[in-house]
Amino acid sequence: MSILEAKIALLDGTPSTLGEITGGRPALLVNVASKCGLTPQYTGLEALHERYADRGFTVVGVPCNQFYGQEPGTADEIAEFCSATYGVTFPMTEKVEVNGDGRHEVYRTLVQTPDENGEAGDVAWNFEKFLIAADGTVVARLRPTVEPDDPRLVDAVEALVG
């Protein structure tokens, strides 16, 4: 089964699949949190989304509360925070677990991808980034401290959108 067929609801609870959420476009999946030191990355993620949306690219935020409870809110609270504080327009999924026994099926595939240092396995922290091609192939894994405007990420997005 392709990662794009994985069932994952939108933040508002609407049943969906990753493929429906990405619209068959290349995408950057990011496990996000509202109360993390890296939360300001939302600004850069929104800028990346806006910069490449017309070229067939999207960012997808995946809320997760597994790292010191830094995403404790309800779906409505998360949506309000992201919209009001950072002007987020990219799609957001339901809150999921990215590590452990309850790991969401999307992340069971994603964590098999090694990062730039050849390290695969558990998500290290909030704002870990996975770049996927339109066909669902995972093409890059970038650790949480890699900013959305980092040339490594921007160049990889450019390569996907042509």
N, C-alpha and C. Protein backbone atom coordinates (compact mmCIF):
# COMPACT_ATOMS: atom_id res chain seq x y z
N MET A 1 0.84 -1.19 0.00
CA MET A 1 0.00 0.00 0.00
C MET A 1 0.88 1.25 0.00
N SER A 2 0.52 2.21 -0.79
CA SER A 2 1.23 3.48 -0.85
C SER A 2 0.89 4.31 0.39
N ILE A 3 1.84 5.11 0.84
CA ILE A 3 1.61 6.02 1.95
C ILE A 3 0.44 6.95 1.65
N LEU A 4 0.21 7.23 0.38
CA LEU A 4 -0.88 8.13 0.00
C LEU A 4 -2.26 7.54 0.27
N GLU A 5 -2.33 6.21 0.39
CA GLU A 5 -3.60 5.55 0.68
C GLU A 5 -3.91 5.50 2.17
N ALA A 6 -2.95 5.87 3.00
CA ALA A 6 -3.14 5.82 4.45
C ALA A 6 -4.27 6.74 4.87
N LYS A 7 -5.16 6.21 5.69
CA LYS A 7 -6.27 7.01 6.19
C LYS A 7 -5.78 7.93 7.31
N ILE A 8 -6.10 9.20 7.17
CA ILE A 8 -5.78 10.19 8.19
C ILE A 8 -6.79 11.32 8.05
N ALA A 9 -7.45 11.63 9.14
CA ALA A 9 -8.49 12.66 9.10
C ALA A 9 -7.89 14.05 9.06
N LEU A 10 -8.66 14.98 8.54
CA LEU A 10 -8.29 16.39 8.62
C LEU A 10 -8.47 16.86 10.06
N LEU A 11 -7.93 18.01 10.38
CA LEU A 11 -8.00 18.53 11.74
C LEU A 11 -9.44 18.67 12.22
N ASP A 12 -10.36 18.97 11.31
CA ASP A 12 -11.77 19.12 11.70
C ASP A 12 -12.49 17.78 11.84
N GLY A 13 -11.76 16.68 11.66
CA GLY A 13 -12.34 15.35 11.83
C GLY A 13 -12.85 14.71 10.56
N THR A 14 -12.82 15.42 9.44
CA THR A 14 -13.28 14.87 8.17
C THR A 14 -12.37 13.70 7.76
N PRO A 15 -12.94 12.51 7.55
CA PRO A 15 -12.12 11.37 7.12
C PRO A 15 -11.44 11.68 5.78
N SER A 16 -10.22 11.23 5.63
CA SER A 16 -9.47 11.49 4.41
C SER A 16 -8.36 10.47 4.28
N THR A 17 -7.55 10.66 3.25
CA THR A 17 -6.31 9.90 3.08
C THR A 17 -5.20 10.93 2.86
N LEU A 18 -3.99 10.49 3.03
CA LEU A 18 -2.88 11.41 2.80
C LEU A 18 -2.88 11.90 1.35
N GLY A 19 -3.21 11.03 0.41
CA GLY A 19 -3.27 11.41 -1.00
C GLY A 19 -4.33 12.47 -1.28
N GLU A 20 -5.49 12.35 -0.62
CA GLU A 20 -6.52 13.38 -0.79
C GLU A 20 -6.06 14.71 -0.20
N ILE A 21 -5.38 14.65 0.94
CA ILE A 21 -4.91 15.88 1.59
C ILE A 21 -3.85 16.58 0.75
N THR A 22 -2.94 15.81 0.18
CA THR A 22 -1.88 16.41 -0.64
C THR A 22 -2.38 16.75 -2.04
N GLY A 23 -3.50 16.19 -2.43
CA GLY A 23 -4.04 16.46 -3.76
C GLY A 23 -3.17 15.90 -4.87
N GLY A 24 -2.41 14.85 -4.56
CA GLY A 24 -1.54 14.26 -5.57
C GLY A 24 -0.34 15.13 -5.91
N ARG A 25 -0.01 16.05 -5.03
CA ARG A 25 1.13 16.95 -5.24
C ARG A 25 2.29 16.57 -4.32
N PRO A 26 3.50 16.98 -4.66
CA PRO A 26 4.58 16.83 -3.70
C PRO A 26 4.21 17.59 -2.42
N ALA A 27 4.69 17.09 -1.28
CA ALA A 27 4.31 17.70 -0.01
C ALA A 27 5.42 17.57 1.02
N LEU A 28 5.37 18.48 1.98
CA LEU A 28 6.25 18.43 3.13
C LEU A 28 5.37 18.13 4.33
N LEU A 29 5.56 16.97 4.96
CA LEU A 29 4.82 16.60 6.16
C LEU A 29 5.65 16.98 7.37
N VAL A 30 5.02 17.69 8.30
CA VAL A 30 5.72 18.19 9.48
C VAL A 30 4.88 17.92 10.71
N ASN A 31 5.45 17.22 11.70
CA ASN A 31 4.73 17.06 12.96
C ASN A 31 4.89 18.35 13.75
N VAL A 32 3.77 18.99 14.03
CA VAL A 32 3.77 20.34 14.59
C VAL A 32 3.25 20.36 16.02
N ALA A 33 3.58 21.44 16.73
CA ALA A 33 3.12 21.65 18.10
C ALA A 33 3.05 23.14 18.38
N SER A 34 2.06 23.53 19.16
CA SER A 34 1.80 24.95 19.41
C SER A 34 2.60 25.55 20.56
N LYS A 35 3.18 24.72 21.42
CA LYS A 35 3.84 25.23 22.61
C LYS A 35 5.29 24.76 22.68
N CYS A 36 5.97 24.81 21.55
CA CYS A 36 7.34 24.33 21.43
C CYS A 36 8.26 25.50 21.08
N GLY A 37 9.50 25.41 21.45
CA GLY A 37 10.46 26.44 21.08
C GLY A 37 10.61 26.57 19.57
N LEU A 38 10.25 25.53 18.83
CA LEU A 38 10.35 25.55 17.37
C LEU A 38 9.05 26.01 16.70
N THR A 39 8.02 26.30 17.49
CA THR A 39 6.73 26.70 16.93
C THR A 39 6.82 27.87 15.95
N PRO A 40 7.72 28.84 16.16
CA PRO A 40 7.84 29.92 15.16
C PRO A 40 8.15 29.44 13.75
N GLN A 41 8.54 28.18 13.59
CA GLN A 41 8.75 27.64 12.23
C GLN A 41 7.46 27.68 11.42
N TYR A 42 6.31 27.79 12.07
CA TYR A 42 5.06 27.93 11.33
C TYR A 42 5.15 29.07 10.32
N THR A 43 5.81 30.15 10.67
CA THR A 43 5.95 31.29 9.76
C THR A 43 6.66 30.86 8.48
N GLY A 44 7.78 30.18 8.62
CA GLY A 44 8.52 29.71 7.46
C GLY A 44 7.80 28.63 6.68
N LEU A 45 7.08 27.76 7.39
CA LEU A 45 6.31 26.72 6.70
C LEU A 45 5.20 27.34 5.86
N GLU A 46 4.53 28.36 6.40
CA GLU A 46 3.48 29.03 5.63
C GLU A 46 4.09 29.74 4.42
N ALA A 47 5.25 30.37 4.60
CA ALA A 47 5.92 31.05 3.48
C ALA A 47 6.31 30.04 2.40
N LEU A 48 6.81 28.88 2.81
CA LEU A 48 7.17 27.84 1.85
C LEU A 48 5.93 27.36 1.10
N HIS A 49 4.86 27.16 1.83
CA HIS A 49 3.60 26.73 1.22
C HIS A 49 3.12 27.77 0.20
N GLU A 50 3.11 29.02 0.60
CA GLU A 50 2.64 30.08 -0.31
C GLU A 50 3.55 30.23 -1.53
N ARG A 51 4.85 30.09 -1.32
CA ARG A 51 5.81 30.26 -2.41
C ARG A 51 5.64 29.20 -3.51
N TYR A 52 5.29 27.97 -3.10
CA TYR A 52 5.27 26.87 -4.06
C TYR A 52 3.88 26.30 -4.36
N ALA A 53 2.85 26.81 -3.73
CA ALA A 53 1.50 26.27 -3.96
C ALA A 53 1.09 26.33 -5.43
N ASP A 54 1.41 27.44 -6.09
CA ASP A 54 1.05 27.58 -7.50
C ASP A 54 1.84 26.65 -8.41
N ARG A 55 2.91 26.07 -7.87
CA ARG A 55 3.72 25.13 -8.65
C ARG A 55 3.42 23.69 -8.27
N GLY A 56 2.31 23.49 -7.54
CA GLY A 56 1.88 22.13 -7.23
C GLY A 56 2.51 21.51 -6.02
N PHE A 57 2.70 22.29 -4.95
CA PHE A 57 3.33 21.81 -3.73
C PHE A 57 2.49 22.24 -2.53
N THR A 58 2.50 21.42 -1.49
CA THR A 58 1.81 21.79 -0.27
C THR A 58 2.59 21.37 0.96
N VAL A 59 2.42 22.10 2.03
CA VAL A 59 2.89 21.70 3.35
C VAL A 59 1.68 21.06 4.03
N VAL A 60 1.92 20.04 4.83
CA VAL A 60 0.86 19.41 5.62
C VAL A 60 1.32 19.37 7.06
N GLY A 61 0.58 20.03 7.94
CA GLY A 61 0.88 20.01 9.36
C GLY A 61 0.21 18.82 10.02
N VAL A 62 0.97 18.11 10.85
CA VAL A 62 0.47 16.93 11.54
C VAL A 62 0.66 17.13 13.04
N PRO A 63 -0.36 17.65 13.74
CA PRO A 63 -0.21 17.90 15.17
C PRO A 63 0.11 16.63 15.95
N CYS A 64 0.99 16.78 16.93
CA CYS A 64 1.41 15.67 17.77
C CYS A 64 1.68 16.19 19.17
N ASN A 65 1.21 15.45 20.16
CA ASN A 65 1.37 15.86 21.56
C ASN A 65 2.33 14.94 22.31
N GLN A 66 3.21 14.23 21.61
CA GLN A 66 4.07 13.25 22.26
C GLN A 66 5.34 13.82 22.88
N PHE A 67 5.67 15.05 22.58
CA PHE A 67 6.93 15.60 23.08
C PHE A 67 6.63 16.62 24.17
N TYR A 68 6.66 16.14 25.42
CA TYR A 68 6.41 16.98 26.60
C TYR A 68 5.07 17.69 26.55
N GLY A 69 4.07 17.08 25.92
CA GLY A 69 2.72 17.65 25.91
C GLY A 69 2.64 19.03 25.28
N GLN A 70 3.43 19.27 24.22
CA GLN A 70 3.50 20.60 23.63
C GLN A 70 2.42 20.90 22.59
N GLU A 71 1.49 19.95 22.40
CA GLU A 71 0.32 20.20 21.55
C GLU A 71 -0.91 19.67 22.29
N PRO A 72 -1.26 20.33 23.42
CA PRO A 72 -2.33 19.82 24.27
C PRO A 72 -3.74 20.17 23.82
N GLY A 73 -3.90 21.09 22.90
CA GLY A 73 -5.21 21.63 22.56
C GLY A 73 -6.12 20.68 21.81
N THR A 74 -7.38 21.09 21.77
CA THR A 74 -8.37 20.39 20.95
C THR A 74 -8.14 20.78 19.49
N ALA A 75 -8.81 20.12 18.59
CA ALA A 75 -8.70 20.45 17.17
C ALA A 75 -9.06 21.91 16.93
N ASP A 76 -10.14 22.37 17.56
CA ASP A 76 -10.55 23.77 17.38
C ASP A 76 -9.50 24.74 17.92
N GLU A 77 -8.92 24.41 19.06
CA GLU A 77 -7.89 25.29 19.64
C GLU A 77 -6.65 25.33 18.76
N ILE A 78 -6.26 24.18 18.22
CA ILE A 78 -5.09 24.13 17.33
C ILE A 78 -5.36 24.96 16.08
N ALA A 79 -6.53 24.78 15.49
CA ALA A 79 -6.88 25.52 14.26
C ALA A 79 -6.88 27.01 14.52
N GLU A 80 -7.47 27.44 15.63
CA GLU A 80 -7.52 28.87 15.97
C GLU A 80 -6.12 29.43 16.20
N PHE A 81 -5.29 28.71 16.94
CA PHE A 81 -3.93 29.16 17.21
C PHE A 81 -3.15 29.33 15.90
N CYS A 82 -3.19 28.32 15.05
CA CYS A 82 -2.41 28.35 13.81
C CYS A 82 -2.88 29.47 12.88
N SER A 83 -4.17 29.65 12.79
CA SER A 83 -4.72 30.69 11.93
C SER A 83 -4.45 32.08 12.49
N ALA A 84 -4.78 32.29 13.75
CA ALA A 84 -4.67 33.62 14.35
C ALA A 84 -3.23 34.05 14.58
N THR A 85 -2.38 33.12 14.99
CA THR A 85 -1.01 33.47 15.35
C THR A 85 -0.07 33.47 14.15
N TYR A 86 -0.24 32.51 13.24
CA TYR A 86 0.71 32.35 12.14
C TYR A 86 0.08 32.44 10.75
N GLY A 87 -1.22 32.64 10.66
CA GLY A 87 -1.87 32.76 9.35
C GLY A 87 -1.78 31.51 8.51
N VAL A 88 -1.75 30.36 9.16
CA VAL A 88 -1.59 29.10 8.45
C VAL A 88 -2.77 28.83 7.53
N THR A 89 -2.45 28.54 6.26
CA THR A 89 -3.47 28.17 5.28
C THR A 89 -3.27 26.75 4.76
N PHE A 90 -2.12 26.14 5.06
CA PHE A 90 -1.88 24.79 4.55
C PHE A 90 -2.72 23.79 5.35
N PRO A 91 -2.99 22.61 4.77
CA PRO A 91 -3.84 21.63 5.44
C PRO A 91 -3.19 21.10 6.72
N MET A 92 -4.06 20.80 7.66
CA MET A 92 -3.64 20.20 8.93
C MET A 92 -4.45 18.92 9.14
N THR A 93 -3.79 17.91 9.67
CA THR A 93 -4.46 16.64 9.95
C THR A 93 -4.90 16.60 11.42
N GLU A 94 -5.57 15.51 11.73
CA GLU A 94 -5.89 15.22 13.11
C GLU A 94 -4.60 15.06 13.91
N LYS A 95 -4.69 15.18 15.22
CA LYS A 95 -3.55 14.96 16.10
C LYS A 95 -3.24 13.46 16.11
N VAL A 96 -1.98 13.10 15.91
CA VAL A 96 -1.59 11.69 15.87
C VAL A 96 -0.34 11.47 16.71
N GLU A 97 -0.03 10.20 16.91
CA GLU A 97 1.23 9.81 17.53
C GLU A 97 2.21 9.47 16.41
N VAL A 98 3.44 9.92 16.55
CA VAL A 98 4.46 9.68 15.53
C VAL A 98 5.47 8.63 15.96
N ASN A 99 5.48 8.27 17.23
CA ASN A 99 6.39 7.27 17.78
C ASN A 99 5.62 6.28 18.65
N GLY A 100 6.25 5.15 18.93
CA GLY A 100 5.70 4.19 19.88
C GLY A 100 4.64 3.27 19.29
N ASP A 101 4.01 2.52 20.20
CA ASP A 101 3.03 1.51 19.80
C ASP A 101 1.83 2.11 19.07
N GLY A 102 1.47 3.35 19.40
CA GLY A 102 0.32 4.00 18.78
C GLY A 102 0.68 4.82 17.55
N ARG A 103 1.90 4.64 17.04
CA ARG A 103 2.37 5.41 15.87
C ARG A 103 1.38 5.28 14.72
N HIS A 104 1.00 6.42 14.15
CA HIS A 104 0.07 6.44 13.02
C HIS A 104 0.72 5.75 11.82
N GLU A 105 -0.11 5.11 10.98
CA GLU A 105 0.43 4.36 9.85
C GLU A 105 1.25 5.22 8.89
N VAL A 106 0.93 6.49 8.75
CA VAL A 106 1.75 7.37 7.90
C VAL A 106 3.17 7.42 8.44
N TYR A 107 3.30 7.54 9.74
CA TYR A 107 4.63 7.64 10.33
C TYR A 107 5.34 6.29 10.41
N ARG A 108 4.62 5.18 10.35
CA ARG A 108 5.29 3.88 10.28
C ARG A 108 6.13 3.81 9.01
N THR A 109 5.65 4.43 7.94
CA THR A 109 6.41 4.48 6.69
C THR A 109 7.49 5.56 6.76
N LEU A 110 7.13 6.75 7.22
CA LEU A 110 8.07 7.87 7.21
C LEU A 110 9.34 7.59 8.02
N VAL A 111 9.21 6.98 9.19
CA VAL A 111 10.38 6.80 10.06
C VAL A 111 11.39 5.80 9.51
N GLN A 112 11.02 5.08 8.47
CA GLN A 112 11.98 4.18 7.84
C GLN A 112 12.98 4.94 6.97
N THR A 113 12.69 6.20 6.68
CA THR A 113 13.54 7.02 5.83
C THR A 113 14.69 7.58 6.63
N PRO A 114 15.93 7.38 6.16
CA PRO A 114 17.07 7.97 6.87
C PRO A 114 17.20 9.46 6.60
N ASP A 115 17.77 10.17 7.56
CA ASP A 115 18.05 11.60 7.38
C ASP A 115 19.37 11.76 6.63
N GLU A 116 19.88 12.97 6.58
CA GLU A 116 21.12 13.26 5.84
C GLU A 116 22.33 12.52 6.40
N ASN A 117 22.25 12.10 7.66
CA ASN A 117 23.36 11.36 8.28
C ASN A 117 23.15 9.86 8.24
N GLY A 118 22.10 9.41 7.52
CA GLY A 118 21.84 7.99 7.41
C GLY A 118 21.06 7.41 8.58
N GLU A 119 20.53 8.26 9.45
CA GLU A 119 19.80 7.81 10.64
C GLU A 119 18.30 7.71 10.34
N ALA A 120 17.75 6.52 10.52
CA ALA A 120 16.30 6.31 10.42
C ALA A 120 15.78 6.11 11.85
N GLY A 121 14.51 5.78 11.97
CA GLY A 121 13.95 5.50 13.30
C GLY A 121 13.04 6.61 13.79
N ASP A 122 12.79 6.59 15.09
CA ASP A 122 11.82 7.49 15.69
C ASP A 122 12.02 8.96 15.31
N VAL A 123 10.89 9.67 15.28
CA VAL A 123 10.91 11.12 15.11
C VAL A 123 11.60 11.69 16.35
N ALA A 124 12.54 12.61 16.14
CA ALA A 124 13.34 13.14 17.25
C ALA A 124 12.59 14.16 18.10
N TRP A 125 11.75 14.99 17.47
CA TRP A 125 11.10 16.09 18.18
C TRP A 125 10.05 16.71 17.27
N ASN A 126 9.36 17.71 17.78
CA ASN A 126 8.41 18.47 16.98
C ASN A 126 9.13 19.10 15.79
N PHE A 127 8.42 19.27 14.71
CA PHE A 127 8.88 19.94 13.49
C PHE A 127 9.92 19.14 12.70
N GLU A 128 9.90 17.82 12.84
CA GLU A 128 10.69 16.98 11.94
C GLU A 128 9.96 16.99 10.60
N LYS A 129 10.72 17.03 9.50
CA LYS A 129 10.14 17.25 8.18
C LYS A 129 10.43 16.08 7.25
N PHE A 130 9.39 15.67 6.52
CA PHE A 130 9.52 14.61 5.54
C PHE A 130 8.99 15.14 4.21
N LEU A 131 9.81 15.10 3.20
CA LEU A 131 9.43 15.57 1.88
C LEU A 131 9.03 14.35 1.05
N ILE A 132 7.80 14.41 0.50
CA ILE A 132 7.34 13.28 -0.31
C ILE A 132 7.01 13.76 -1.72
N ALA A 133 7.32 12.90 -2.67
CA ALA A 133 7.01 13.18 -4.08
C ALA A 133 5.52 12.95 -4.31
N ALA A 134 5.04 13.39 -5.47
CA ALA A 134 3.62 13.25 -5.81
C ALA A 134 3.16 11.80 -5.78
N ASP A 135 4.07 10.85 -6.05
CA ASP A 135 3.69 9.44 -6.05
C ASP A 135 3.79 8.80 -4.67
N GLY A 136 4.13 9.59 -3.65
CA GLY A 136 4.21 9.09 -2.29
C GLY A 136 5.59 8.64 -1.86
N THR A 137 6.55 8.67 -2.75
CA THR A 137 7.91 8.31 -2.39
C THR A 137 8.48 9.34 -1.43
N VAL A 138 9.06 8.87 -0.33
CA VAL A 138 9.69 9.78 0.63
C VAL A 138 11.08 10.09 0.11
N VAL A 139 11.33 11.36 -0.20
CA VAL A 139 12.58 11.74 -0.84
C VAL A 139 13.58 12.42 0.09
N ALA A 140 13.13 12.89 1.23
CA ALA A 140 14.07 13.53 2.17
C ALA A 140 13.47 13.55 3.57
N ARG A 141 14.35 13.49 4.54
CA ARG A 141 13.99 13.63 5.95
C ARG A 141 14.91 14.68 6.54
N LEU A 142 14.30 15.70 7.12
CA LEU A 142 15.08 16.78 7.72
C LEU A 142 14.70 16.91 9.18
N ARG A 143 15.70 16.98 10.01
CA ARG A 143 15.48 17.01 11.46
C ARG A 143 14.85 18.33 11.90
N PRO A 144 14.32 18.38 13.12
CA PRO A 144 13.53 19.52 13.58
C PRO A 144 14.20 20.90 13.48
N THR A 145 15.49 20.98 13.69
CA THR A 145 16.13 22.29 13.69
C THR A 145 16.40 22.84 12.29
N VAL A 146 16.15 22.05 11.25
CA VAL A 146 16.29 22.54 9.88
C VAL A 146 15.12 23.49 9.62
N GLU A 147 15.43 24.75 9.39
CA GLU A 147 14.40 25.77 9.18
C GLU A 147 13.76 25.60 7.79
N PRO A 148 12.51 26.03 7.64
CA PRO A 148 11.83 25.89 6.35
C PRO A 148 12.49 26.62 5.19
N ASP A 149 13.31 27.64 5.47
CA ASP A 149 14.00 28.34 4.39
C ASP A 149 15.43 27.86 4.18
N ASP A 150 15.80 26.76 4.84
CA ASP A 150 17.14 26.20 4.69
C ASP A 150 17.34 25.80 3.22
N PRO A 151 18.48 26.15 2.63
CA PRO A 151 18.72 25.82 1.22
C PRO A 151 18.58 24.33 0.90
N ARG A 152 18.91 23.45 1.83
CA ARG A 152 18.76 22.01 1.58
C ARG A 152 17.30 21.66 1.33
N LEU A 153 16.41 22.24 2.10
CA LEU A 153 14.98 21.98 1.94
C LEU A 153 14.45 22.68 0.69
N VAL A 154 14.79 23.94 0.52
CA VAL A 154 14.30 24.69 -0.64
C VAL A 154 14.77 24.04 -1.94
N ASP A 155 16.03 23.62 -2.00
CA ASP A 155 16.54 22.97 -3.21
C ASP A 155 15.81 21.66 -3.49
N ALA A 156 15.50 20.91 -2.44
CA ALA A 156 14.78 19.65 -2.61
C ALA A 156 13.35 19.89 -3.11
N VAL A 157 12.71 20.93 -2.59
CA VAL A 157 11.37 21.28 -3.08
C VAL A 157 11.45 21.71 -4.54
N GLU A 158 12.42 22.56 -4.87
CA GLU A 158 12.61 22.99 -6.26
C GLU A 158 12.77 21.80 -7.20
N ALA A 159 13.53 20.81 -6.76
CA ALA A 159 13.74 19.62 -7.59
C ALA A 159 12.44 18.86 -7.83
N LEU A 160 11.55 18.86 -6.84
CA LEU A 160 10.28 18.14 -6.98
C LEU A 160 9.27 18.87 -7.86
N VAL A 161 9.26 20.20 -7.77
CA VAL A 161 8.24 20.95 -8.51
C VAL A 161 8.72 21.37 -9.89
N GLY A 162 9.99 21.13 -10.16
CA GLY A 162 10.54 21.43 -11.49
C GLY A 162 10.76 22.85 -11.69
